[in-house]
N, C-alpha and C. Protein backbone atom coordinates (compact mmCIF):
# COMPACT_ATOMS: atom_id res chain seq x y z
N MET A 1 14.54 -20.75 -0.49
CA MET A 1 14.24 -19.72 0.50
C MET A 1 13.01 -18.91 0.09
N LEU A 2 12.78 -18.77 -1.22
CA LEU A 2 11.67 -17.92 -1.67
C LEU A 2 10.33 -18.44 -1.15
N HIS A 3 10.12 -19.73 -1.17
CA HIS A 3 8.82 -20.25 -0.69
C HIS A 3 8.61 -19.94 0.80
N LYS A 4 9.68 -19.92 1.58
CA LYS A 4 9.56 -19.57 3.00
C LYS A 4 9.24 -18.09 3.16
N ILE A 5 9.86 -17.26 2.35
CA ILE A 5 9.60 -15.81 2.40
C ILE A 5 8.16 -15.54 1.99
N ILE A 6 7.71 -16.17 0.92
CA ILE A 6 6.32 -16.00 0.47
C ILE A 6 5.36 -16.41 1.58
N SER A 7 5.64 -17.52 2.23
CA SER A 7 4.79 -17.99 3.32
C SER A 7 4.71 -16.94 4.43
N CYS A 8 5.84 -16.33 4.76
CA CYS A 8 5.85 -15.28 5.78
C CYS A 8 4.99 -14.09 5.36
N PHE A 9 5.07 -13.70 4.10
CA PHE A 9 4.26 -12.58 3.62
C PHE A 9 2.78 -12.93 3.70
N LYS A 10 2.44 -14.15 3.36
CA LYS A 10 1.03 -14.57 3.44
C LYS A 10 0.54 -14.59 4.89
N ASP A 11 1.43 -14.93 5.82
CA ASP A 11 1.08 -15.03 7.24
C ASP A 11 1.35 -13.74 8.01
N ASN A 12 1.75 -12.68 7.30
CA ASN A 12 2.06 -11.39 7.92
C ASN A 12 3.17 -11.51 8.98
N LYS A 13 4.18 -12.30 8.67
CA LYS A 13 5.34 -12.46 9.55
C LYS A 13 6.53 -11.80 8.87
N VAL A 14 6.45 -10.48 8.74
CA VAL A 14 7.43 -9.70 8.00
C VAL A 14 7.86 -8.51 8.84
N LEU A 15 9.15 -8.27 8.88
CA LEU A 15 9.71 -7.12 9.57
C LEU A 15 10.45 -6.27 8.54
N TYR A 16 10.14 -4.98 8.48
CA TYR A 16 10.82 -4.05 7.59
C TYR A 16 11.91 -3.33 8.38
N SER A 17 13.13 -3.37 7.87
CA SER A 17 14.20 -2.61 8.51
C SER A 17 13.93 -1.12 8.35
N ASN A 18 14.53 -0.33 9.22
CA ASN A 18 14.40 1.13 9.08
C ASN A 18 14.94 1.59 7.73
N HIS A 19 16.03 0.95 7.30
CA HIS A 19 16.61 1.30 5.99
C HIS A 19 15.60 1.06 4.88
N ALA A 20 14.93 -0.09 4.91
CA ALA A 20 13.95 -0.41 3.87
C ALA A 20 12.83 0.62 3.86
N LYS A 21 12.33 0.97 5.04
CA LYS A 21 11.24 1.95 5.12
C LYS A 21 11.66 3.30 4.54
N GLN A 22 12.89 3.71 4.87
CA GLN A 22 13.39 4.99 4.35
C GLN A 22 13.53 4.95 2.83
N GLU A 23 14.10 3.86 2.32
CA GLU A 23 14.29 3.74 0.87
C GLU A 23 12.94 3.71 0.15
N MET A 24 11.96 3.07 0.73
CA MET A 24 10.62 3.01 0.13
C MET A 24 10.00 4.40 0.07
N GLU A 25 10.21 5.21 1.09
CA GLU A 25 9.65 6.56 1.13
C GLU A 25 10.30 7.50 0.14
N ILE A 26 11.62 7.39 -0.03
CA ILE A 26 12.33 8.36 -0.86
C ILE A 26 12.66 7.84 -2.26
N GLU A 27 12.07 6.71 -2.66
CA GLU A 27 12.33 6.14 -3.99
C GLU A 27 12.15 7.23 -5.04
N PRO A 28 13.19 7.49 -5.86
CA PRO A 28 13.12 8.56 -6.86
C PRO A 28 11.96 8.41 -7.86
N LEU A 29 11.54 7.19 -8.15
CA LEU A 29 10.46 6.98 -9.12
C LEU A 29 9.09 6.92 -8.46
N GLY A 30 9.03 7.30 -7.20
CA GLY A 30 7.76 7.33 -6.46
C GLY A 30 7.76 6.36 -5.31
N GLU A 31 7.14 6.76 -4.22
CA GLU A 31 7.10 5.95 -3.01
C GLU A 31 6.63 4.53 -3.31
N ILE A 32 7.26 3.58 -2.63
CA ILE A 32 6.88 2.17 -2.75
C ILE A 32 6.11 1.82 -1.48
N ARG A 33 4.91 1.31 -1.65
CA ARG A 33 4.07 0.93 -0.51
C ARG A 33 4.31 -0.53 -0.12
N GLU A 34 4.02 -0.87 1.13
CA GLU A 34 4.17 -2.25 1.60
C GLU A 34 3.33 -3.21 0.77
N GLU A 35 2.17 -2.77 0.35
CA GLU A 35 1.30 -3.59 -0.50
C GLU A 35 2.01 -3.96 -1.81
N GLU A 36 2.75 -3.01 -2.37
CA GLU A 36 3.48 -3.27 -3.60
C GLU A 36 4.61 -4.28 -3.37
N VAL A 37 5.26 -4.17 -2.22
CA VAL A 37 6.33 -5.12 -1.88
C VAL A 37 5.73 -6.52 -1.80
N SER A 38 4.61 -6.65 -1.15
CA SER A 38 3.95 -7.94 -1.03
C SER A 38 3.57 -8.49 -2.41
N GLU A 39 3.01 -7.67 -3.25
CA GLU A 39 2.63 -8.10 -4.60
C GLU A 39 3.86 -8.60 -5.36
N ALA A 40 4.96 -7.87 -5.26
CA ALA A 40 6.18 -8.25 -5.97
C ALA A 40 6.77 -9.54 -5.42
N ILE A 41 6.72 -9.72 -4.12
CA ILE A 41 7.23 -10.95 -3.51
C ILE A 41 6.40 -12.15 -3.96
N LEU A 42 5.09 -12.01 -3.93
CA LEU A 42 4.21 -13.14 -4.22
C LEU A 42 4.34 -13.64 -5.66
N ASN A 43 4.78 -12.77 -6.59
CA ASN A 43 4.98 -13.25 -7.96
C ASN A 43 6.45 -13.14 -8.37
N GLY A 44 7.32 -13.03 -7.37
CA GLY A 44 8.73 -12.77 -7.64
C GLY A 44 9.58 -14.01 -7.85
N LYS A 45 10.83 -13.73 -8.18
CA LYS A 45 11.82 -14.79 -8.30
C LYS A 45 13.15 -14.29 -7.78
N VAL A 46 13.93 -15.21 -7.27
CA VAL A 46 15.24 -14.88 -6.73
C VAL A 46 16.20 -14.70 -7.90
N ILE A 47 16.87 -13.54 -7.93
CA ILE A 47 17.85 -13.31 -8.99
C ILE A 47 19.28 -13.29 -8.48
N GLU A 48 19.46 -13.17 -7.17
CA GLU A 48 20.78 -13.29 -6.55
C GLU A 48 20.61 -13.87 -5.15
N ASP A 49 21.51 -14.77 -4.78
CA ASP A 49 21.52 -15.34 -3.43
C ASP A 49 22.69 -14.79 -2.65
N TYR A 50 22.46 -14.49 -1.38
CA TYR A 50 23.50 -14.03 -0.47
C TYR A 50 23.52 -14.96 0.74
N ASP A 51 23.91 -16.19 0.49
CA ASP A 51 23.88 -17.24 1.53
C ASP A 51 24.78 -16.96 2.72
N ASP A 52 25.83 -16.16 2.52
CA ASP A 52 26.78 -15.90 3.60
C ASP A 52 26.45 -14.66 4.42
N ASP A 53 25.34 -13.99 4.11
CA ASP A 53 24.96 -12.81 4.88
C ASP A 53 24.71 -13.18 6.33
N GLU A 54 25.06 -12.26 7.21
CA GLU A 54 24.87 -12.44 8.66
C GLU A 54 23.94 -11.35 9.17
N PRO A 55 23.09 -11.60 10.10
CA PRO A 55 22.97 -12.85 10.84
C PRO A 55 22.13 -13.91 10.13
N TYR A 56 21.48 -13.53 8.99
CA TYR A 56 20.64 -14.48 8.27
C TYR A 56 20.96 -14.44 6.78
N PRO A 57 20.86 -15.56 6.10
CA PRO A 57 21.04 -15.55 4.65
C PRO A 57 19.93 -14.70 4.02
N SER A 58 20.26 -14.10 2.89
CA SER A 58 19.28 -13.26 2.21
C SER A 58 19.36 -13.48 0.72
N CYS A 59 18.48 -12.79 0.00
CA CYS A 59 18.46 -12.90 -1.45
C CYS A 59 17.86 -11.63 -2.03
N LEU A 60 18.12 -11.43 -3.31
CA LEU A 60 17.53 -10.32 -4.06
C LEU A 60 16.40 -10.91 -4.88
N ILE A 61 15.21 -10.39 -4.66
CA ILE A 61 14.01 -10.87 -5.34
C ILE A 61 13.53 -9.80 -6.31
N TYR A 62 13.22 -10.23 -7.52
CA TYR A 62 12.63 -9.34 -8.52
C TYR A 62 11.19 -9.77 -8.73
N GLY A 63 10.29 -8.81 -8.66
CA GLY A 63 8.89 -9.08 -8.94
C GLY A 63 8.22 -7.82 -9.45
N ARG A 64 7.00 -8.00 -9.86
CA ARG A 64 6.21 -6.86 -10.36
C ARG A 64 4.94 -6.71 -9.55
N THR A 65 4.52 -5.48 -9.41
CA THR A 65 3.28 -5.19 -8.69
C THR A 65 2.09 -5.47 -9.60
N ARG A 66 0.93 -5.37 -9.02
CA ARG A 66 -0.31 -5.53 -9.81
C ARG A 66 -0.35 -4.54 -10.97
N ASN A 67 0.26 -3.37 -10.78
CA ASN A 67 0.30 -2.34 -11.83
C ASN A 67 1.53 -2.47 -12.72
N ASN A 68 2.20 -3.62 -12.64
CA ASN A 68 3.36 -3.94 -13.48
C ASN A 68 4.61 -3.13 -13.16
N ARG A 69 4.70 -2.58 -11.98
CA ARG A 69 5.88 -1.83 -11.55
C ARG A 69 6.97 -2.83 -11.14
N PRO A 70 8.17 -2.72 -11.70
CA PRO A 70 9.26 -3.63 -11.29
C PRO A 70 9.81 -3.21 -9.93
N ILE A 71 10.02 -4.20 -9.07
CA ILE A 71 10.53 -3.94 -7.73
C ILE A 71 11.63 -4.94 -7.42
N HIS A 72 12.69 -4.46 -6.77
CA HIS A 72 13.72 -5.33 -6.21
C HIS A 72 13.60 -5.28 -4.70
N ILE A 73 13.67 -6.44 -4.06
CA ILE A 73 13.60 -6.54 -2.61
C ILE A 73 14.74 -7.41 -2.13
N VAL A 74 15.58 -6.88 -1.24
CA VAL A 74 16.56 -7.72 -0.56
C VAL A 74 15.90 -8.16 0.73
N CYS A 75 15.78 -9.49 0.86
CA CYS A 75 15.02 -10.04 1.96
C CYS A 75 15.80 -11.17 2.61
N ALA A 76 15.84 -11.16 3.92
CA ALA A 76 16.48 -12.24 4.68
C ALA A 76 15.39 -13.12 5.27
N TYR A 77 15.80 -14.33 5.61
CA TYR A 77 14.85 -15.24 6.26
C TYR A 77 15.47 -15.78 7.53
N ALA A 78 14.80 -15.53 8.66
CA ALA A 78 15.26 -16.01 9.96
C ALA A 78 14.54 -17.33 10.24
N ASP A 79 15.22 -18.42 9.95
CA ASP A 79 14.63 -19.76 10.05
C ASP A 79 14.20 -20.08 11.48
N SER A 80 14.99 -19.68 12.46
CA SER A 80 14.70 -20.03 13.86
C SER A 80 13.39 -19.45 14.37
N ILE A 81 12.95 -18.34 13.77
CA ILE A 81 11.69 -17.72 14.20
C ILE A 81 10.69 -17.57 13.05
N ALA A 82 11.01 -18.16 11.90
CA ALA A 82 10.12 -18.13 10.72
C ALA A 82 9.64 -16.71 10.42
N LEU A 83 10.62 -15.82 10.18
CA LEU A 83 10.33 -14.41 9.94
C LEU A 83 11.11 -13.93 8.73
N SER A 84 10.43 -13.20 7.84
CA SER A 84 11.11 -12.55 6.73
C SER A 84 11.47 -11.13 7.14
N ILE A 85 12.68 -10.72 6.80
CA ILE A 85 13.16 -9.40 7.14
C ILE A 85 13.50 -8.68 5.84
N VAL A 86 12.78 -7.60 5.58
CA VAL A 86 13.01 -6.81 4.38
C VAL A 86 14.14 -5.84 4.69
N ILE A 87 15.24 -6.00 3.96
CA ILE A 87 16.44 -5.20 4.21
C ILE A 87 16.42 -3.91 3.41
N THR A 88 16.07 -4.01 2.13
CA THR A 88 15.92 -2.82 1.30
C THR A 88 14.99 -3.12 0.15
N VAL A 89 14.42 -2.05 -0.40
CA VAL A 89 13.47 -2.14 -1.50
C VAL A 89 13.74 -0.96 -2.43
N TYR A 90 13.72 -1.23 -3.73
CA TYR A 90 13.89 -0.14 -4.69
C TYR A 90 13.34 -0.54 -6.04
N GLU A 91 13.09 0.46 -6.86
CA GLU A 91 12.70 0.21 -8.25
C GLU A 91 14.00 0.22 -9.06
N PRO A 92 14.31 -0.91 -9.71
CA PRO A 92 15.59 -1.00 -10.41
C PRO A 92 15.64 -0.10 -11.64
N SER A 93 16.83 0.43 -11.89
CA SER A 93 17.05 1.31 -13.03
C SER A 93 17.39 0.49 -14.27
N PRO A 94 16.72 0.75 -15.39
CA PRO A 94 17.04 0.04 -16.64
C PRO A 94 18.49 0.27 -17.09
N GLU A 95 19.09 1.37 -16.63
CA GLU A 95 20.49 1.63 -16.99
C GLU A 95 21.44 0.69 -16.26
N LYS A 96 21.01 0.13 -15.15
CA LYS A 96 21.86 -0.76 -14.35
C LYS A 96 21.49 -2.22 -14.47
N TRP A 97 20.30 -2.50 -15.02
CA TRP A 97 19.80 -3.87 -15.07
C TRP A 97 19.30 -4.22 -16.47
N ILE A 98 19.58 -5.42 -16.91
CA ILE A 98 19.05 -5.95 -18.17
C ILE A 98 17.77 -6.70 -17.81
N ASP A 99 16.64 -6.25 -18.36
CA ASP A 99 15.34 -6.84 -18.07
C ASP A 99 15.08 -6.92 -16.56
N TYR A 100 15.68 -6.04 -15.80
CA TYR A 100 15.54 -5.94 -14.34
C TYR A 100 16.03 -7.20 -13.60
N GLU A 101 16.69 -8.11 -14.33
CA GLU A 101 17.11 -9.38 -13.72
C GLU A 101 18.62 -9.60 -13.69
N ARG A 102 19.34 -8.97 -14.59
CA ARG A 102 20.79 -9.18 -14.64
C ARG A 102 21.49 -7.82 -14.63
N ARG A 103 22.56 -7.74 -13.84
CA ARG A 103 23.31 -6.48 -13.76
C ARG A 103 24.03 -6.22 -15.08
N ARG A 104 24.04 -4.95 -15.47
CA ARG A 104 24.78 -4.57 -16.69
C ARG A 104 26.25 -4.55 -16.40
């Protein structure tokens, strides 16, 4: 699924949920910009799959921005319309994540 999501980001076929936009604005460690989300997706990797999510399967992607900021993105992929949907975005807490990839 990651290669399809990356393709959508490259083609600007991305929809941000209202929840994602709000979380990006109020991130406690500083606002997360859409550019940073794109950077993290393009060099990211899937660390959790949510194949049973409705209406579309989704996954948790971990990546870093150009400035080395760790970002987690929950992203769904709508295969029927080739669209990535950003569900939420946050900077993971080291207290909750080991190397930002595994839950403590």
